[in-house]
Amino acid sequence: MTAELFNPLLLTSLTPFCGVIILYFIPSTELYLCRIISLCISCLTFIFSLFIWVGFNSTTSLFQFVYTANWLKEWNIYYTIGVDGISLFFILLTTFLTITCILIGWNSVRVLIKEYLICFLTLEFCLIQVFSVLDLLFFYIFFESVLIPMFLIIGVWGSRPRRVRAAYQLFLYTLIGSLLMLLGLVCVYFQTGTTDIQLLWQANFSEFRQLILWLAFFASFSVKIPMIPFHIWLPEAHAEAPTAGSVILAGILLKIGGFGFLRFSLPLFPFASIFFTPFIFLLSLIAVIYASLTTLRQVDLKKIIAYSSISHMGFVTIGIFSFTLQGIEGSLLLMLSHGLVSSALFLCVGILYDRHKTRIIKYYNGLIQVMPIFGIFFLFFSFANLGFPGTSSFIGEFLVLFGVFQSSIFVTALASLGMILGASYSIWLFNRIIFGLLKIQYFSLFQDVSRREFWMLMPLTLSILWIGLHPNSILDELHFSTINLLQQLRS
């Protein structure tokens, strides 16, 4: 029992929950104490997650740091957590970005501060569970639980009057899709008598039942990514969310859908996954091209990054359904890269909004003259967003295109247009904000990045560079888990 308590995955899972309990008993008037405790808890969680990486054995595809607790033994349902190469870096990304989110709201959030911090620690707890639970029922529970703190973050601490509408859009879109997944979960349980992932991977579903169940799971995962035409909620949610809400939404929540495809749809329903591949390619190509063109038409800084996220996630689904080692590993690397790059871009937009209270692009011009450090950071993140060589996005997009080229040259050619369009809107956005004549008629006070903002942007910069220059530090951990997934598809 003592050895189990020192399981780094268990400690990583429980630490945010303990932080929520501690914050609950602190008086709401002790604002500084609440901030310090939440920051310490999130840092401690990140340290525990690093121990998972340090102790992770990359030469096996088996789940590691497994912990099991009886829940409904008579119903053959257990709470089990474990980590493999696919889920390892999503947990690290979650714990890393939570620290950034707490620092973002350090001064900008001025109402219900304790409740705000509780929401983020609760969200961190639920997300870690989503990426680590090895039971389909518990995955569904935490998959849906993520909605509650996110709904509150947008609806209560959003920046504009339409925030409540945006919060309801997020909640209803996701909930409707997830209800179909719940029906599929019940069907799976009644056929197999278990919800344990490792046992379900050995189950045989008929081809017709695979098609129906795949569509039920697709209804939920496609909304979370989101795939076109289920994307309507995303730009609105980003536009109304506080900066920290946009960071966690783009950095982590959009990855749950891709993770769900890899963890459930492909290994559980291999026939259906192959059958629906042309359908996925069609939706993904529409997302890559349509979202990129729509990005060029936007005037709101947050909506520009939101639509670019839809385009990048289209690349991810193309890589996942290429059914090649390079394509799947590229999609995983691209999800991690997008979590860092989009978070950094939203943070840059938040820095501008905190100073000038607007996100309309026409009011900004020539910022390099008064905010040179900000300009350097924004240049780097803009180039990372377009997939410039040496950044993490380049490696992910290259592997995805290399993988899908083995399946379809036509799909590869159309997907490559997304890289050209991505360069167009990234350079266009950077040029409009950084260069040109300074519009002093709109703003009288300019301030470069503060020390706190600098130390939020610098780790994101170093992480993007590290993955871009040393991708094997990530790919080595993914390799055996990805091979195992492909073997399940082909068996």
Protein backbone atom coordinates (compact mmCIF):
# COMPACT_ATOMS: atom_id res chain seq x y z
CA MET A 1 0.00 0.00 0.00
CA THR A 2 2.85 2.40 0.83
CA ALA A 3 4.48 1.72 -2.54
CA GLU A 4 1.18 2.47 -4.29
CA LEU A 5 0.92 5.84 -2.56
CA PHE A 6 4.30 6.82 -4.04
CA ASN A 7 3.09 5.97 -7.54
CA PRO A 8 3.93 9.23 -9.43
CA LEU A 9 0.83 8.88 -11.64
CA LEU A 10 -1.42 8.53 -8.60
CA LEU A 11 0.24 11.52 -6.95
CA THR A 12 -0.15 13.55 -10.14
CA SER A 13 -3.82 12.59 -10.30
CA LEU A 14 -4.67 13.40 -6.69
CA THR A 15 -2.61 16.55 -6.05
CA PRO A 16 -4.96 18.99 -7.88
CA PHE A 17 -7.96 17.47 -6.06
CA CYS A 18 -6.20 18.00 -2.72
CA GLY A 19 -5.52 21.58 -3.80
CA VAL A 20 -9.23 22.12 -4.43
CA ILE A 21 -10.05 20.89 -0.91
CA ILE A 22 -7.39 23.15 0.65
CA LEU A 23 -8.65 26.20 -1.26
CA TYR A 24 -12.22 25.47 -0.21
CA PHE A 25 -11.35 26.01 3.47
CA ILE A 26 -9.37 29.22 2.93
CA PRO A 27 -11.39 32.43 3.44
CA SER A 28 -12.20 34.26 0.20
CA THR A 29 -10.65 37.42 1.62
CA GLU A 30 -7.17 35.82 1.67
CA LEU A 31 -6.61 36.42 -2.04
CA TYR A 32 -2.82 36.35 -2.06
CA LEU A 33 -2.76 33.12 -0.02
CA CYS A 34 -5.21 31.51 -2.47
CA ARG A 35 -3.01 32.47 -5.41
CA ILE A 36 0.18 31.21 -3.76
CA ILE A 37 -1.37 27.88 -2.71
CA SER A 38 -2.87 27.23 -6.16
CA LEU A 39 0.46 28.05 -7.82
CA CYS A 40 2.36 25.75 -5.43
CA ILE A 41 -0.16 22.93 -5.99
CA SER A 42 0.09 23.25 -9.78
CA CYS A 43 3.91 23.34 -9.62
CA LEU A 44 3.93 20.25 -7.38
CA THR A 45 1.64 18.45 -9.83
CA PHE A 46 3.98 19.31 -12.68
CA ILE A 47 6.97 17.97 -10.72
CA PHE A 48 5.14 14.68 -10.07
CA SER A 49 4.33 14.43 -13.80
CA LEU A 50 8.04 14.87 -14.58
CA PHE A 51 8.74 11.85 -12.35
CA ILE A 52 6.37 9.87 -14.61
CA TRP A 53 8.48 10.84 -17.63
CA VAL A 54 11.77 10.09 -15.85
CA GLY A 55 10.55 6.66 -14.72
CA PHE A 56 8.82 5.79 -17.99
CA ASN A 57 10.15 2.72 -19.82
CA SER A 58 10.11 3.54 -23.54
CA THR A 59 10.94 -0.03 -24.62
CA THR A 60 7.47 -1.44 -23.95
CA SER A 61 3.93 -0.69 -25.07
CA LEU A 62 2.41 -1.86 -21.77
CA PHE A 63 0.67 0.59 -19.47
CA GLN A 64 2.92 1.73 -16.64
CA PHE A 65 2.38 3.11 -13.11
CA VAL A 66 -0.92 1.23 -13.04
CA TYR A 67 -3.17 1.66 -10.00
CA THR A 68 -6.51 -0.15 -9.58
CA ALA A 69 -9.27 0.37 -7.02
CA ASN A 70 -12.50 -1.60 -6.69
CA TRP A 71 -15.53 0.52 -7.47
CA LEU A 72 -18.41 -1.68 -8.64
CA LYS A 73 -16.84 -5.11 -8.34
CA GLU A 74 -20.13 -6.95 -8.81
CA TRP A 75 -20.60 -5.10 -12.12
CA ASN A 76 -16.98 -5.74 -13.18
CA ILE A 77 -16.17 -2.01 -13.18
CA TYR A 78 -12.89 -0.82 -11.66
CA TYR A 79 -11.19 2.54 -11.37
CA THR A 80 -7.86 1.92 -13.09
CA ILE A 81 -5.23 4.44 -14.15
CA GLY A 82 -2.09 3.91 -16.19
CA VAL A 83 0.07 5.67 -18.74
CA ASP A 84 1.59 4.69 -22.08
CA GLY A 85 3.54 6.60 -24.70
CA ILE A 86 0.38 8.08 -26.22
CA SER A 87 -0.95 9.59 -22.99
CA LEU A 88 2.36 10.50 -21.30
CA PHE A 89 2.93 13.87 -22.95
CA PHE A 90 -0.70 14.94 -22.76
CA ILE A 91 -0.44 14.67 -18.97
CA LEU A 92 2.81 16.67 -19.02
CA LEU A 93 1.21 19.30 -21.27
CA THR A 94 -1.80 19.57 -18.92
CA THR A 95 0.29 20.09 -15.79
CA PHE A 96 2.60 22.55 -17.57
CA LEU A 97 -0.16 24.74 -19.02
CA THR A 98 -2.10 24.83 -15.73
CA ILE A 99 0.82 26.70 -14.14
CA THR A 100 0.71 29.17 -17.04
CA CYS A 101 -3.06 29.64 -16.67
CA ILE A 102 -2.78 30.45 -12.96
CA LEU A 103 -0.02 32.98 -13.67
CA ILE A 104 -2.06 34.59 -16.47
CA GLY A 105 -4.90 35.42 -14.10
CA TRP A 106 -2.60 36.63 -11.31
CA ASN A 107 -3.54 40.31 -11.76
CA SER A 108 -6.18 40.32 -14.51
CA VAL A 109 -8.85 38.38 -12.57
CA ARG A 110 -10.38 40.58 -9.89
CA VAL A 111 -13.71 38.93 -9.01
CA LEU A 112 -14.34 35.53 -7.38
CA ILE A 113 -10.62 34.80 -7.38
CA LYS A 114 -10.77 31.76 -5.12
CA GLU A 115 -13.54 30.22 -7.23
CA TYR A 116 -11.53 30.94 -10.39
CA LEU A 117 -8.52 29.06 -9.02
CA ILE A 118 -10.71 26.17 -7.84
CA CYS A 119 -12.13 25.86 -11.37
CA PHE A 120 -8.67 25.55 -12.91
CA LEU A 121 -7.44 22.98 -10.39
CA THR A 122 -10.67 20.99 -10.88
CA LEU A 123 -10.18 21.19 -14.64
CA GLU A 124 -6.59 19.97 -14.26
CA PHE A 125 -7.76 17.03 -12.14
CA CYS A 126 -10.40 16.00 -14.69
CA LEU A 127 -8.03 16.31 -17.65
CA ILE A 128 -5.34 14.17 -16.00
CA GLN A 129 -8.00 11.54 -15.35
CA VAL A 130 -9.15 11.66 -18.99
CA PHE A 131 -5.63 10.88 -20.20
CA SER A 132 -4.85 8.23 -17.58
CA VAL A 133 -8.00 6.21 -16.81
CA LEU A 134 -8.09 2.74 -18.36
CA ASP A 135 -11.83 2.23 -18.02
CA LEU A 136 -14.33 3.39 -20.64
CA LEU A 137 -17.00 4.38 -18.09
CA PHE A 138 -14.60 6.50 -16.04
CA PHE A 139 -13.24 8.03 -19.23
CA TYR A 140 -16.76 9.12 -20.12
CA ILE A 141 -17.39 10.52 -16.63
CA PHE A 142 -14.27 12.68 -16.62
CA PHE A 143 -14.64 13.47 -20.33
CA GLU A 144 -17.98 15.11 -19.49
CA SER A 145 -16.82 16.56 -16.16
CA VAL A 146 -14.35 18.76 -18.04
CA LEU A 147 -17.36 20.73 -19.31
CA ILE A 148 -18.41 22.02 -15.89
CA PRO A 149 -15.34 24.09 -14.93
CA MET A 150 -14.88 25.19 -18.56
CA PHE A 151 -18.50 26.36 -18.69
CA LEU A 152 -17.95 28.44 -15.54
CA ILE A 153 -14.60 29.84 -16.72
CA ILE A 154 -16.17 31.18 -19.92
CA GLY A 155 -19.55 32.17 -18.47
CA VAL A 156 -18.33 33.90 -15.29
CA TRP A 157 -14.89 35.29 -16.15
CA GLY A 158 -15.34 35.87 -19.87
CA SER A 159 -14.41 39.22 -21.33
CA ARG A 160 -17.59 40.32 -23.13
CA PRO A 161 -21.40 40.27 -22.65
CA ARG A 162 -21.84 37.32 -25.06
CA ARG A 163 -19.83 35.04 -22.76
CA VAL A 164 -22.90 33.26 -21.35
CA ARG A 165 -24.14 32.45 -24.85
CA ALA A 166 -20.68 31.12 -25.77
CA ALA A 167 -20.59 28.98 -22.61
CA TYR A 168 -23.97 27.45 -23.44
CA GLN A 169 -22.85 26.75 -27.01
CA LEU A 170 -19.81 24.87 -25.73
CA PHE A 171 -21.89 22.94 -23.22
CA LEU A 172 -24.77 21.97 -25.52
CA TYR A 173 -22.67 21.06 -28.58
CA THR A 174 -20.45 18.78 -26.53
CA LEU A 175 -23.25 17.30 -24.46
CA ILE A 176 -25.40 16.32 -27.44
CA GLY A 177 -22.49 14.51 -29.08
CA SER A 178 -21.55 12.80 -25.83
CA LEU A 179 -25.05 11.41 -25.29
CA LEU A 180 -24.58 9.28 -28.40
CA MET A 181 -21.27 8.11 -27.00
CA LEU A 182 -23.04 7.12 -23.77
CA LEU A 183 -25.46 4.95 -25.75
CA GLY A 184 -22.48 3.34 -27.49
CA LEU A 185 -20.80 2.76 -24.12
CA VAL A 186 -23.91 0.97 -22.80
CA CYS A 187 -24.02 -1.18 -25.95
CA VAL A 188 -20.33 -2.11 -25.53
CA TYR A 189 -20.87 -3.02 -21.87
CA PHE A 190 -23.87 -5.27 -22.54
CA GLN A 191 -22.00 -7.16 -25.26
CA THR A 192 -18.70 -7.61 -23.42
CA GLY A 193 -19.67 -7.33 -19.73
CA THR A 194 -16.76 -5.00 -19.00
CA THR A 195 -15.58 -1.43 -19.56
CA ASP A 196 -11.87 -2.16 -19.02
CA ILE A 197 -9.97 -0.83 -22.04
CA GLN A 198 -7.41 -3.62 -22.17
CA LEU A 199 -10.14 -6.28 -22.14
CA LEU A 200 -12.22 -4.39 -24.71
CA TRP A 201 -9.24 -4.34 -27.08
CA GLN A 202 -9.54 -8.15 -27.21
CA ALA A 203 -13.30 -8.08 -27.92
CA ASN A 204 -14.70 -8.82 -31.37
CA PHE A 205 -17.55 -6.68 -32.62
CA SER A 206 -19.43 -7.52 -35.78
CA GLU A 207 -18.78 -5.27 -38.77
CA PHE A 208 -22.26 -3.72 -38.64
CA ARG A 209 -22.00 -3.08 -34.90
CA GLN A 210 -18.57 -1.54 -35.39
CA LEU A 211 -20.02 0.94 -37.88
CA ILE A 212 -22.81 1.98 -35.49
CA LEU A 213 -20.54 2.24 -32.43
CA TRP A 214 -17.85 4.10 -34.37
CA LEU A 215 -20.40 6.74 -35.39
CA ALA A 216 -21.60 7.04 -31.77
CA PHE A 217 -18.05 7.69 -30.55
CA PHE A 218 -17.32 9.92 -33.53
CA ALA A 219 -20.24 12.17 -32.60
CA SER A 220 -18.51 12.98 -29.33
CA PHE A 221 -14.86 13.15 -30.42
CA SER A 222 -15.51 15.22 -33.57
CA VAL A 223 -17.13 18.00 -31.53
CA LYS A 224 -14.18 18.17 -29.14
CA ILE A 225 -11.52 18.44 -31.89
CA PRO A 226 -13.64 20.17 -33.47
CA MET A 227 -14.16 18.93 -37.02
CA ILE A 228 -16.18 20.86 -39.56
CA PRO A 229 -19.24 21.17 -39.45
CA PHE A 230 -19.19 20.73 -35.64
CA HIS A 231 -16.83 23.69 -35.10
CA ILE A 232 -19.30 26.57 -34.63
CA TRP A 233 -18.84 26.72 -30.85
CA LEU A 234 -15.04 27.09 -30.92
CA PRO A 235 -14.47 30.63 -32.31
CA GLU A 236 -17.26 31.97 -30.12
CA ALA A 237 -15.90 30.25 -27.01
CA HIS A 238 -12.39 31.56 -27.67
CA ALA A 239 -13.61 35.09 -28.34
CA GLU A 240 -15.55 35.26 -25.06
CA ALA A 241 -13.23 33.26 -22.78
CA PRO A 242 -10.61 34.92 -20.56
CA THR A 243 -7.03 34.51 -21.75
CA ALA A 244 -6.36 31.58 -19.41
CA GLY A 245 -9.57 29.92 -20.62
CA SER A 246 -8.45 30.21 -24.25
CA VAL A 247 -5.03 28.80 -23.36
CA ILE A 248 -6.41 25.68 -21.66
CA LEU A 249 -9.13 25.27 -24.29
CA ALA A 250 -6.74 25.39 -27.26
CA GLY A 251 -3.83 23.76 -25.43
CA ILE A 252 -5.58 20.73 -23.94
CA LEU A 253 -9.33 20.42 -24.55
CA LEU A 254 -9.04 20.25 -28.34
CA LYS A 255 -6.68 17.28 -27.94
CA ILE A 256 -9.23 15.11 -26.12
CA GLY A 257 -11.00 14.27 -29.37
CA GLY A 258 -7.79 13.16 -31.11
CA PHE A 259 -6.79 11.19 -28.03
CA GLY A 260 -10.22 9.52 -28.03
CA PHE A 261 -9.79 8.40 -31.64
CA LEU A 262 -6.40 6.86 -30.81
CA ARG A 263 -7.47 5.26 -27.54
CA PHE A 264 -10.93 3.95 -28.52
CA SER A 265 -12.10 4.34 -32.13
CA LEU A 266 -9.07 2.83 -33.87
CA PRO A 267 -8.30 -0.17 -31.60
CA LEU A 268 -11.93 -1.01 -30.72
CA PHE A 269 -13.45 -0.60 -34.19
CA PRO A 270 -10.67 -1.22 -36.75
CA PHE A 271 -13.01 -2.21 -39.59
CA ALA A 272 -15.19 0.87 -39.12
CA SER A 273 -12.13 3.13 -38.80
CA ILE A 274 -10.84 1.95 -42.18
CA PHE A 275 -14.35 2.09 -43.69
CA PHE A 276 -14.86 5.73 -42.67
CA THR A 277 -11.34 6.90 -43.59
CA PRO A 278 -12.46 8.64 -46.86
CA PHE A 279 -15.15 10.45 -44.85
CA ILE A 280 -12.55 11.62 -42.29
CA PHE A 281 -10.16 12.72 -45.03
CA LEU A 282 -12.95 14.74 -46.68
CA LEU A 283 -13.90 16.55 -43.45
CA SER A 284 -10.26 17.10 -42.56
CA LEU A 285 -9.35 18.59 -45.94
CA ILE A 286 -12.35 20.90 -45.76
CA ALA A 287 -11.18 21.95 -42.30
CA VAL A 288 -7.61 22.59 -43.45
CA ILE A 289 -8.59 24.70 -46.48
CA TYR A 290 -11.87 26.32 -45.36
CA ALA A 291 -10.62 27.25 -41.87
CA SER A 292 -7.42 28.73 -43.33
CA LEU A 293 -9.37 30.88 -45.80
CA THR A 294 -11.79 31.93 -43.05
CA THR A 295 -8.84 32.91 -40.87
CA LEU A 296 -7.76 35.45 -43.49
CA ARG A 297 -11.16 37.18 -43.21
CA GLN A 298 -11.22 37.62 -39.42
CA VAL A 299 -10.73 40.95 -37.66
CA ASP A 300 -10.71 39.64 -34.06
CA LEU A 301 -7.27 38.47 -32.92
CA LYS A 302 -8.67 35.56 -30.92
CA LYS A 303 -10.87 34.35 -33.78
CA ILE A 304 -7.85 34.36 -36.09
CA ILE A 305 -6.03 31.94 -33.79
CA ALA A 306 -9.23 29.93 -33.17
CA TYR A 307 -9.82 29.27 -36.88
CA SER A 308 -6.14 28.46 -37.39
CA SER A 309 -6.57 25.83 -34.63
CA ILE A 310 -9.36 24.19 -36.63
CA SER A 311 -7.02 24.01 -39.62
CA HIS A 312 -4.20 22.47 -37.57
CA MET A 313 -6.52 19.89 -36.02
CA GLY A 314 -7.56 18.92 -39.55
CA PHE A 315 -3.92 17.96 -40.10
CA VAL A 316 -4.08 15.89 -36.91
CA THR A 317 -7.08 13.80 -38.02
CA ILE A 318 -5.48 13.23 -41.44
CA GLY A 319 -2.39 11.85 -39.69
CA ILE A 320 -4.39 9.65 -37.31
CA PHE A 321 -6.38 8.02 -40.12
CA SER A 322 -3.39 7.52 -42.39
CA PHE A 323 -2.81 4.29 -40.40
CA THR A 324 0.95 4.67 -40.76
CA LEU A 325 3.59 4.91 -38.06
CA GLN A 326 4.82 8.28 -39.31
CA GLY A 327 1.31 9.69 -39.68
CA ILE A 328 0.13 8.76 -36.19
CA GLU A 329 3.36 9.85 -34.49
CA GLY A 330 3.25 13.07 -36.52
CA SER A 331 -0.32 13.75 -35.40
CA LEU A 332 0.66 13.21 -31.76
CA LEU A 333 3.64 15.52 -32.14
CA LEU A 334 1.46 18.10 -33.91
CA MET A 335 -1.10 18.00 -31.07
CA LEU A 336 1.65 18.64 -28.53
CA SER A 337 3.12 21.39 -30.68
CA HIS A 338 -0.26 23.02 -31.23
CA GLY A 339 -0.88 22.93 -27.48
CA LEU A 340 2.28 24.99 -26.97
CA VAL A 341 2.10 27.32 -29.99
CA SER A 342 -1.60 28.21 -29.80
CA SER A 343 -1.32 28.73 -26.03
CA ALA A 344 1.58 31.12 -26.62
CA LEU A 345 -0.34 33.05 -29.29
CA PHE A 346 -3.41 33.37 -27.07
CA LEU A 347 -1.13 34.56 -24.28
CA CYS A 348 0.31 37.23 -26.61
CA VAL A 349 -3.21 38.36 -27.51
CA GLY A 350 -4.07 38.44 -23.80
CA ILE A 351 -1.06 40.69 -23.15
CA LEU A 352 -2.35 43.17 -25.74
CA TYR A 353 -5.93 42.97 -24.45
CA ASP A 354 -4.86 43.60 -20.83
CA ARG A 355 -3.20 46.83 -21.93
CA HIS A 356 -5.61 48.20 -24.53
CA LYS A 357 -8.95 46.39 -23.93
CA THR A 358 -9.53 45.54 -27.58
CA ARG A 359 -8.77 42.61 -29.87
CA ILE A 360 -9.78 44.26 -33.16
CA ILE A 361 -6.77 44.10 -35.44
CA LYS A 362 -7.24 47.51 -37.10
CA TYR A 363 -6.31 49.30 -33.86
CA TYR A 364 -2.84 47.71 -33.74
CA ASN A 365 0.12 48.68 -35.87
CA GLY A 366 3.82 49.30 -35.44
CA LEU A 367 4.15 47.69 -32.02
CA ILE A 368 7.80 46.82 -32.67
CA GLN A 369 8.61 50.48 -31.98
CA VAL A 370 7.29 50.42 -28.40
CA MET A 371 7.16 46.69 -27.52
CA PRO A 372 10.34 45.15 -29.01
CA ILE A 373 10.52 42.15 -26.65
CA PHE A 374 6.87 41.36 -27.35
CA GLY A 375 7.60 41.67 -31.08
CA ILE A 376 10.42 39.11 -30.89
CA PHE A 377 8.24 36.61 -29.03
CA PHE A 378 5.34 37.15 -31.44
CA LEU A 379 7.66 36.67 -34.43
CA PHE A 380 8.87 33.34 -33.07
CA PHE A 381 5.37 32.04 -32.28
CA SER A 382 4.02 33.19 -35.66
CA PHE A 383 6.79 31.28 -37.44
CA ALA A 384 6.15 28.25 -35.24
CA ASN A 385 2.44 28.45 -36.15
CA LEU A 386 3.22 28.29 -39.88
CA GLY A 387 5.51 25.28 -39.38
CA PHE A 388 8.90 26.90 -39.90
CA PRO A 389 11.85 24.42 -39.87
CA GLY A 390 13.40 24.17 -36.43
CA THR A 391 10.07 24.49 -34.63
CA SER A 392 7.88 21.70 -33.28
CA SER A 393 5.07 22.25 -35.83
CA PHE A 394 7.37 21.59 -38.78
CA ILE A 395 8.29 18.10 -37.53
CA GLY A 396 4.64 17.21 -36.86
CA GLU A 397 3.36 18.44 -40.23
CA PHE A 398 6.23 16.79 -42.11
CA LEU A 399 5.56 13.40 -40.49
CA VAL A 400 1.82 13.70 -41.13
CA LEU A 401 2.36 14.47 -44.82
CA PHE A 402 5.00 11.73 -45.07
CA GLY A 403 2.57 9.24 -43.51
CA VAL A 404 -0.49 10.15 -45.56
CA PHE A 405 1.60 10.18 -48.76
CA GLN A 406 1.82 6.39 -48.38
CA SER A 407 -2.00 6.22 -48.43
CA SER A 408 -3.01 8.92 -50.90
CA ILE A 409 -0.96 11.36 -52.98
CA PHE A 410 -4.13 13.36 -53.73
CA VAL A 411 -4.90 13.92 -50.04
CA THR A 412 -1.27 14.88 -49.43
CA ALA A 413 -1.36 17.48 -52.21
CA LEU A 414 -4.55 19.10 -50.91
CA ALA A 415 -3.34 19.02 -47.30
CA SER A 416 -0.15 20.77 -48.39
CA LEU A 417 -2.27 23.78 -49.37
CA GLY A 418 -2.92 24.23 -45.66
CA MET A 419 0.78 24.91 -45.10
CA ILE A 420 0.76 27.62 -47.78
CA LEU A 421 -2.40 29.21 -46.41
CA GLY A 422 -1.03 28.87 -42.86
CA ALA A 423 2.03 30.86 -43.88
CA SER A 424 -0.27 33.47 -45.46
CA TYR A 425 -2.40 34.22 -42.41
CA SER A 426 0.51 33.93 -39.94
CA ILE A 427 2.71 36.41 -41.81
CA TRP A 428 -0.28 38.68 -42.54
CA LEU A 429 -1.19 38.80 -38.84
CA PHE A 430 2.38 39.45 -37.74
CA ASN A 431 2.87 42.19 -40.34
CA ARG A 432 -0.37 43.99 -39.40
CA ILE A 433 0.43 44.09 -35.68
CA ILE A 434 4.18 44.54 -35.52
CA PHE A 435 5.15 46.67 -38.53
CA GLY A 436 3.80 49.90 -39.98
CA LEU A 437 3.04 53.26 -38.42
CA LEU A 438 2.24 53.34 -34.71
CA LYS A 439 -1.40 54.31 -34.15
CA ILE A 440 -0.93 56.64 -31.20
CA GLN A 441 -4.38 58.14 -31.77
CA TYR A 442 -5.93 55.01 -30.25
CA PHE A 443 -3.50 54.27 -27.41
CA SER A 444 -1.57 56.71 -25.25
CA LEU A 445 0.25 54.20 -23.02
CA PHE A 446 2.44 51.33 -24.21
CA GLN A 447 4.24 48.83 -21.98
CA ASP A 448 6.44 45.94 -23.07
CA VAL A 449 6.10 42.49 -21.49
CA SER A 450 6.44 42.43 -17.71
CA ARG A 451 8.77 40.11 -15.82
CA ARG A 452 5.88 37.73 -15.02
CA GLU A 453 4.78 37.64 -18.67
CA PHE A 454 8.36 37.09 -19.83
CA TRP A 455 8.70 34.02 -17.60
CA MET A 456 5.41 32.67 -18.95
CA LEU A 457 6.48 33.07 -22.59
CA MET A 458 10.08 31.84 -22.22
CA PRO A 459 9.29 28.21 -21.20
CA LEU A 460 6.84 27.95 -24.13
CA THR A 461 9.56 29.24 -26.48
CA LEU A 462 12.17 26.79 -25.18
CA SER A 463 9.72 23.85 -25.34
CA ILE A 464 8.82 24.60 -28.97
CA LEU A 465 12.52 24.86 -29.88
CA TRP A 466 13.41 21.69 -27.98
CA ILE A 467 10.78 19.58 -29.76
CA GLY A 468 11.73 21.11 -33.11
CA LEU A 469 15.46 20.47 -32.71
CA HIS A 470 15.31 17.18 -30.73
CA PRO A 471 12.05 15.44 -31.78
CA ASN A 472 13.45 12.03 -30.84
CA SER A 473 13.13 12.97 -27.16
CA ILE A 474 9.36 12.73 -27.77
CA LEU A 475 9.18 10.18 -30.59
CA ASP A 476 11.23 7.55 -28.71
CA GLU A 477 8.57 7.46 -25.99
CA LEU A 478 5.73 7.18 -28.54
CA HIS A 479 7.24 4.51 -30.75
CA PHE A 480 6.25 1.23 -29.08
CA SER A 481 2.75 2.41 -28.13
CA THR A 482 2.13 3.51 -31.72
CA ILE A 483 3.38 0.18 -33.10
CA ASN A 484 1.07 -1.64 -30.69
CA LEU A 485 -1.87 0.46 -31.90
CA LEU A 486 -1.09 -0.37 -35.54
CA GLN A 487 -0.84 -4.06 -34.72
CA GLN A 488 -4.31 -3.95 -33.18
CA LEU A 489 -5.62 -2.30 -36.34
CA ARG A 490 -4.14 -4.99 -38.57
CA SER A 491 -4.99 -8.00 -36.44
